[in-house]
PDB file of N, CA and C in Angstrom:
ATOM      1  N   MET A   1     -14.909 -17.501  15.047  1.00  0.00           N
ATOM      2  CA  MET A   1     -14.332 -16.502  15.567  1.00  0.00           C
ATOM      3  C   MET A   1     -13.213 -16.068  14.699  1.00  0.00           C
ATOM      4  N   VAL A   2     -12.297 -17.404  14.275  1.00  0.00           N
ATOM      5  CA  VAL A   2     -11.237 -16.568  13.653  1.00  0.00           C
ATOM      6  C   VAL A   2     -11.572 -15.740  12.191  1.00  0.00           C
ATOM      7  N   GLY A   3     -12.510 -15.908  11.650  1.00  0.00           N
ATOM      8  CA  GLY A   3     -13.143 -14.987  10.477  1.00  0.00           C
ATOM      9  C   GLY A   3     -13.142 -13.784  11.180  1.00  0.00           C
ATOM     10  N   ARG A   4     -14.019 -13.684  12.401  1.00  0.00           N
ATOM     11  CA  ARG A   4     -14.238 -12.453  12.865  1.00  0.00           C
ATOM     12  C   ARG A   4     -12.833 -11.404  12.981  1.00  0.00           C
ATOM     13  N   MET A   5     -12.142 -12.030  13.528  1.00  0.00           N
ATOM     14  CA  MET A   5     -10.597 -11.422  13.932  1.00  0.00           C
ATOM     15  C   MET A   5     -10.404 -11.054  12.558  1.00  0.00           C
ATOM     16  N   ASN A   6     -10.204 -12.025  11.332  1.00  0.00           N
ATOM     17  CA  ASN A   6      -9.557 -11.443  10.312  1.00  0.00           C
ATOM     18  C   ASN A   6     -10.518  -9.918   9.439  1.00  0.00           C
ATOM     19  N   THR A   7     -11.521 -10.332   9.543  1.00  0.00           N
ATOM     20  CA  THR A   7     -12.542  -9.448   9.151  1.00  0.00           C
ATOM     21  C   THR A   7     -12.208  -7.823   9.850  1.00  0.00           C
ATOM     22  N   GLU A   8     -11.662  -7.911  11.243  1.00  0.00           N
ATOM     23  CA  GLU A   8     -11.402  -7.022  11.875  1.00  0.00           C
ATOM     24  C   GLU A   8     -10.093  -6.545  11.393  1.00  0.00           C
ATOM     25  N   PHE A   9      -9.001  -6.804  11.289  1.00  0.00           N
ATOM     26  CA  PHE A   9      -7.632  -6.826  10.957  1.00  0.00           C
ATOM     27  C   PHE A   9      -7.660  -6.464   9.851  1.00  0.00           C
ATOM     28  N   THR A  10      -8.727  -6.668   8.460  1.00  0.00           N
ATOM     29  CA  THR A  10      -8.266  -6.270   6.903  1.00  0.00           C
ATOM     30  C   THR A  10      -9.253  -4.775   7.057  1.00  0.00           C
ATOM     31  N   SER A  11     -10.258  -4.338   8.079  1.00  0.00           N
ATOM     32  CA  SER A  11     -10.988  -3.477   8.122  1.00  0.00           C
ATOM     33  C   SER A  11     -10.395  -2.190   8.931  1.00  0.00           C
ATOM     34  N   SER A  12      -9.274  -2.233   9.757  1.00  0.00           N
ATOM     35  CA  SER A  12      -8.557  -1.891  10.417  1.00  0.00           C
ATOM     36  C   SER A  12      -7.999  -0.950   9.726  1.00  0.00           C
ATOM     37  N   LYS A  13      -7.100   0.408  10.052  1.00  0.00           N
ATOM     38  CA  LYS A  13      -6.391   1.619   9.582  1.00  0.00           C
ATOM     39  C   LYS A  13      -4.851   0.669   9.328  1.00  0.00           C
ATOM     40  N   TRP A  14      -4.503   0.338  10.308  1.00  0.00           N
ATOM     41  CA  TRP A  14      -3.140  -0.730  10.006  1.00  0.00           C
ATOM     42  C   TRP A  14      -3.131  -1.440   9.034  1.00  0.00           C
ATOM     43  N   PHE A  15      -3.984  -2.453   8.638  1.00  0.00           N
ATOM     44  CA  PHE A  15      -3.833  -3.216   7.586  1.00  0.00           C
ATOM     45  C   PHE A  15      -4.124  -2.227   6.195  1.00  0.00           C
ATOM     46  N   LEU A  16      -4.993  -0.679   6.361  1.00  0.00           N
ATOM     47  CA  LEU A  16      -4.661   0.017   5.146  1.00  0.00           C
ATOM     48  C   LEU A  16      -3.612   0.528   5.246  1.00  0.00           C
ATOM     49  N   LEU A  17      -3.077   1.123   5.905  1.00  0.00           N
ATOM     50  CA  LEU A  17      -1.269   1.208   6.020  1.00  0.00           C
ATOM     51  C   LEU A  17      -0.674   0.258   5.578  1.00  0.00           C
ATOM     52  N   LEU A  18      -0.484  -1.151   6.139  1.00  0.00           N
ATOM     53  CA  LEU A  18       0.410  -1.713   5.391  1.00  0.00           C
ATOM     54  C   LEU A  18       0.042  -2.292   3.856  1.00  0.00           C
ATOM     55  N   VAL A  19      -0.889  -2.145   3.411  1.00  0.00           N
ATOM     56  CA  VAL A  19      -1.180  -2.528   2.030  1.00  0.00           C
ATOM     57  C   VAL A  19      -0.497  -0.760   0.909  1.00  0.00           C
ATOM     58  N   THR A  20      -0.670  -0.280   1.901  1.00  0.00           N
ATOM     59  CA  THR A  20      -0.886   0.741   0.853  1.00  0.00           C
ATOM     60  C   THR A  20       0.430   1.713   0.658  1.00  0.00           C
ATOM     61  N   ILE A  21       0.859   1.619   1.744  1.00  0.00           N
ATOM     62  CA  ILE A  21       2.097   2.122   2.001  1.00  0.00           C
ATOM     63  C   ILE A  21       3.430   1.074   2.428  1.00  0.00           C
ATOM     64  N   ILE A  22       3.262   0.293   3.438  1.00  0.00           N
ATOM     65  CA  ILE A  22       4.583  -0.538   4.078  1.00  0.00           C
ATOM     66  C   ILE A  22       5.066  -1.756   2.382  1.00  0.00           C
ATOM     67  N   LEU A  23       3.465  -2.484   2.733  1.00  0.00           N
ATOM     68  CA  LEU A  23       4.494  -3.578   1.739  1.00  0.00           C
ATOM     69  C   LEU A  23       4.566  -3.036  -0.263  1.00  0.00           C
ATOM     70  N   PRO A  24       4.583  -1.653  -0.556  1.00  0.00           N
ATOM     71  CA  PRO A  24       4.528  -1.387  -1.550  1.00  0.00           C
ATOM     72  C   PRO A  24       6.455  -0.926  -1.034  1.00  0.00           C
ATOM     73  N   LEU A  25       6.778  -0.470  -0.037  1.00  0.00           N
ATOM     74  CA  LEU A  25       7.796  -0.221  -0.266  1.00  0.00           C
ATOM     75  C   LEU A  25       9.015  -0.998  -0.058  1.00  0.00           C
ATOM     76  N   ILE A  26       8.484  -2.388   0.843  1.00  0.00           N
ATOM     77  CA  ILE A  26       9.012  -3.334   0.966  1.00  0.00           C
ATOM     78  C   ILE A  26       9.059  -4.037  -0.182  1.00  0.00           C
ATOM     79  N   LEU A  27       8.697  -3.882  -1.121  1.00  0.00           N
ATOM     80  CA  LEU A  27       8.695  -4.530  -2.340  1.00  0.00           C
ATOM     81  C   LEU A  27       9.731  -3.876  -3.579  1.00  0.00           C
ATOM     82  N   LEU A  28       9.591  -2.091  -3.365  1.00  0.00           N
ATOM     83  CA  LEU A  28      10.605  -1.460  -4.125  1.00  0.00           C
ATOM     84  C   LEU A  28      11.896  -1.487  -2.999  1.00  0.00           C
ATOM     85  N   ALA A  29      11.894  -1.827  -1.784  1.00  0.00           N
ATOM     86  CA  ALA A  29      13.344  -2.018  -1.790  1.00  0.00           C
ATOM     87  C   ALA A  29      14.034  -3.667  -2.539  1.00  0.00           C
ATOM     88  N   VAL A  30      13.051  -4.684  -2.303  1.00  0.00           N
ATOM     89  CA  VAL A  30      13.481  -5.983  -2.946  1.00  0.00           C
ATOM     90  C   VAL A  30      13.684  -5.467  -4.321  1.00  0.00           C
ATOM     91  N   ALA A  31      12.843  -4.864  -5.040  1.00  0.00           N
ATOM     92  CA  ALA A  31      12.815  -4.777  -6.355  1.00  0.00           C
ATOM     93  C   ALA A  31      14.685  -4.155  -6.484  1.00  0.00           C
ATOM     94  N   ALA A  32      15.085  -2.986  -5.999  1.00  0.00           N
ATOM     95  CA  ALA A  32      15.980  -2.794  -5.900  1.00  0.00           C
ATOM     96  C   ALA A  32      17.076  -3.333  -5.909  1.00  0.00           C
ATOM     97  N   ALA A  33      17.070  -4.237  -4.778  1.00  0.00           N
ATOM     98  CA  ALA A  33      18.309  -5.083  -4.401  1.00  0.00           C
ATOM     99  C   ALA A  33      18.240  -6.620  -5.449  1.00  0.00           C
ATOM    100  N   LEU A  34      17.655  -6.297  -5.814  1.00  0.00           N
ATOM    101  CA  LEU A  34      17.411  -7.664  -7.180  1.00  0.00           C
ATOM    102  C   LEU A  34      17.583  -7.174  -8.369  1.00  0.00           C
ATOM    103  N   ASP A  35      17.637  -5.784  -8.669  1.00  0.00           N
ATOM    104  CA  ASP A  35      18.339  -5.139 -10.129  1.00  0.00           C
ATOM    105  C   ASP A  35      16.874  -5.483 -10.854  1.00  0.00           C
ATOM    106  N   ALA A  36      15.779  -5.211 -10.451  1.00  0.00           N
ATOM    107  CA  ALA A  36      14.398  -5.440 -11.796  1.00  0.00           C
ATOM    108  C   ALA A  36      14.408  -4.458 -12.402  1.00  0.00           C
ATOM    109  N   GLY A  37      13.547  -4.956 -13.617  1.00  0.00           N
ATOM    110  CA  GLY A  37      13.127  -3.809 -14.477  1.00  0.00           C
ATOM    111  C   GLY A  37      12.730  -2.798 -13.912  1.00  0.00           C
ATOM    112  N   ILE A  38      13.072  -1.384 -14.447  1.00  0.00           N
ATOM    113  CA  ILE A  38      12.463  -0.372 -14.364  1.00  0.00           C
ATOM    114  C   ILE A  38      11.035  -0.220 -14.504  1.00  0.00           C
ATOM    115  N   CYS A  39      10.531  -1.095 -15.195  1.00  0.00           N
ATOM    116  CA  CYS A  39       9.070  -1.015 -15.108  1.00  0.00           C
ATOM    117  C   CYS A  39       7.939  -1.373 -13.725  1.00  0.00           C
ATOM    118  N   VAL A  40       9.314  -2.383 -13.273  1.00  0.00           N
ATOM    119  CA  VAL A  40       8.379  -2.836 -11.644  1.00  0.00           C
ATOM    120  C   VAL A  40       8.873  -1.620 -10.813  1.00  0.00           C
ATOM    121  N   ILE A  41      10.014  -1.150 -10.672  1.00  0.00           N
ATOM    122  CA  ILE A  41       9.996   0.138  -9.645  1.00  0.00           C
ATOM    123  C   ILE A  41       8.935   0.971 -10.141  1.00  0.00           C
ATOM    124  N   ILE A  42       8.607   1.098 -11.604  1.00  0.00           N
ATOM    125  CA  ILE A  42       7.472   2.353 -11.855  1.00  0.00           C
ATOM    126  C   ILE A  42       5.981   2.428 -11.121  1.00  0.00           C
ATOM    127  N   VAL A  43       5.831   1.006 -11.697  1.00  0.00           N
ATOM    128  CA  VAL A  43       4.704   0.773 -11.241  1.00  0.00           C
ATOM    129  C   VAL A  43       4.308   0.368  -9.893  1.00  0.00           C
ATOM    130  N   LEU A  44       5.481  -0.119  -9.028  1.00  0.00           N
ATOM    131  CA  LEU A  44       5.604   0.800  -7.672  1.00  0.00           C
ATOM    132  C   LEU A  44       5.745   1.959  -6.733  1.00  0.00           C
ATOM    133  N   LEU A  45       6.142   2.602  -7.660  1.00  0.00           N
ATOM    134  CA  LEU A  45       6.334   4.115  -7.558  1.00  0.00           C
ATOM    135  C   LEU A  45       4.885   4.585  -7.755  1.00  0.00           C
ATOM    136  N   ILE A  46       4.547   4.124  -8.433  1.00  0.00           N
ATOM    137  CA  ILE A  46       2.986   4.784  -9.092  1.00  0.00           C
ATOM    138  C   ILE A  46       2.060   3.821  -7.384  1.00  0.00           C
ATOM    139  N   TRP A  47       2.131   3.290  -7.819  1.00  0.00           N
ATOM    140  CA  TRP A  47       0.782   2.399  -6.384  1.00  0.00           C
ATOM    141  C   TRP A  47       1.190   3.326  -5.089  1.00  0.00           C
ATOM    142  N   ILE A  48       2.571   3.835  -4.686  1.00  0.00           N
ATOM    143  CA  ILE A  48       2.577   4.283  -3.871  1.00  0.00           C
ATOM    144  C   ILE A  48       2.139   5.806  -3.792  1.00  0.00           C
ATOM    145  N   GLY A  49       2.184   5.760  -4.841  1.00  0.00           N
ATOM    146  CA  GLY A  49       2.065   7.625  -4.910  1.00  0.00           C
ATOM    147  C   GLY A  49       0.136   7.590  -5.288  1.00  0.00           C
ATOM    148  N   VAL A  50      -0.730   6.747  -5.686  1.00  0.00           N
ATOM    149  CA  VAL A  50      -1.781   6.813  -5.820  1.00  0.00           C
ATOM    150  C   VAL A  50      -2.409   6.558  -4.474  1.00  0.00           C
ATOM    151  N   ALA A  51      -2.072   5.601  -3.637  1.00  0.00           N
ATOM    152  CA  ALA A  51      -2.017   4.990  -2.276  1.00  0.00           C
ATOM    153  C   ALA A  51      -2.377   6.557  -1.154  1.00  0.00           C
ATOM    154  N   LEU A  52      -1.243   7.090  -1.524  1.00  0.00           N
ATOM    155  CA  LEU A  52      -0.968   8.520  -0.687  1.00  0.00           C
ATOM    156  C   LEU A  52      -2.054   9.567  -1.241  1.00  0.00           C
ATOM    157  N   LEU A  53      -1.988   9.569  -2.201  1.00  0.00           N
ATOM    158  CA  LEU A  53      -3.740  10.339  -3.026  1.00  0.00           C
ATOM    159  C   LEU A  53      -5.035  10.330  -2.234  1.00  0.00           C
ATOM    160  N   MET A  54      -5.298   9.119  -2.586  1.00  0.00           N
ATOM    161  CA  MET A  54      -6.153   8.028  -1.460  1.00  0.00           C
ATOM    162  C   MET A  54      -6.665   8.528  -0.220  1.00  0.00           C
ATOM    163  N   LEU A  55      -5.629   8.408   0.346  1.00  0.00           N
ATOM    164  CA  LEU A  55      -5.185   8.566   1.592  1.00  0.00           C
ATOM    165  C   LEU A  55      -5.502   9.844   2.524  1.00  0.00           C
ATOM    166  N   TYR A  56      -5.083  10.462   1.421  1.00  0.00           N
ATOM    167  CA  TYR A  56      -4.546  11.882   2.472  1.00  0.00           C
ATOM    168  C   TYR A  56      -5.680  12.955   1.652  1.00  0.00           C
ATOM    169  N   MET A  57      -6.021  12.350   0.292  1.00  0.00           N
ATOM    170  CA  MET A  57      -6.628  13.967  -0.473  1.00  0.00           C
ATOM    171  C   MET A  57      -7.517  14.240   0.730  1.00  0.00           C
ATOM    172  N   PRO A  58      -8.052  15.452   0.782  1.00  0.00           N
ATOM    173  CA  PRO A  58      -9.510  15.788   1.552  1.00  0.00           C
ATOM    174  C   PRO A  58     -10.681  15.337   0.501  1.00  0.00           C
ATOM    175  N   LYS A  59     -11.366  14.876   1.920  1.00  0.00           N
ATOM    176  CA  LYS A  59     -12.900  14.359   1.560  1.00  0.00           C
ATOM    177  C   LYS A  59     -14.057  15.638   1.144  1.00  0.00           C
ATOM    178  N   ASN A  60     -14.446  15.101   0.014  1.00  0.00           N
ATOM    179  CA  ASN A  60     -15.113  16.472   0.056  1.00  0.00           C
ATOM    180  C   ASN A  60     -16.869  16.211   0.537  1.00  0.00           C
ATOM    181  N   GLU A  61     -17.291  17.139   1.699  1.00  0.00           N
ATOM    182  CA  GLU A  61     -18.189  17.102   2.431  1.00  0.00           C
ATOM    183  C   GLU A  61     -19.265  18.021   2.002  1.00  0.00           C
ATOM    184  N   ASP A  62     -20.383  17.319   1.616  1.00  0.00           N
ATOM    185  CA  ASP A  62     -21.275  18.672   1.049  1.00  0.00           C
ATOM    186  C   ASP A  62     -22.746  18.325   2.003  1.00  0.00           C
TER     187      ASP A  62
END
């Protein structure tokens, strides 16, 4: 029962939104607050950009 609930959560749209947008934004805020290096901030910004491209790029329907 628990395994099935976990699979349903990880395949939902909310989990995808959490992993691709919300989690990197939280990490970016923490990195900015802790004066992290510029490389960490750049990686997080790239993560957010790639996630937005993957989520909102139109799908090719041939």
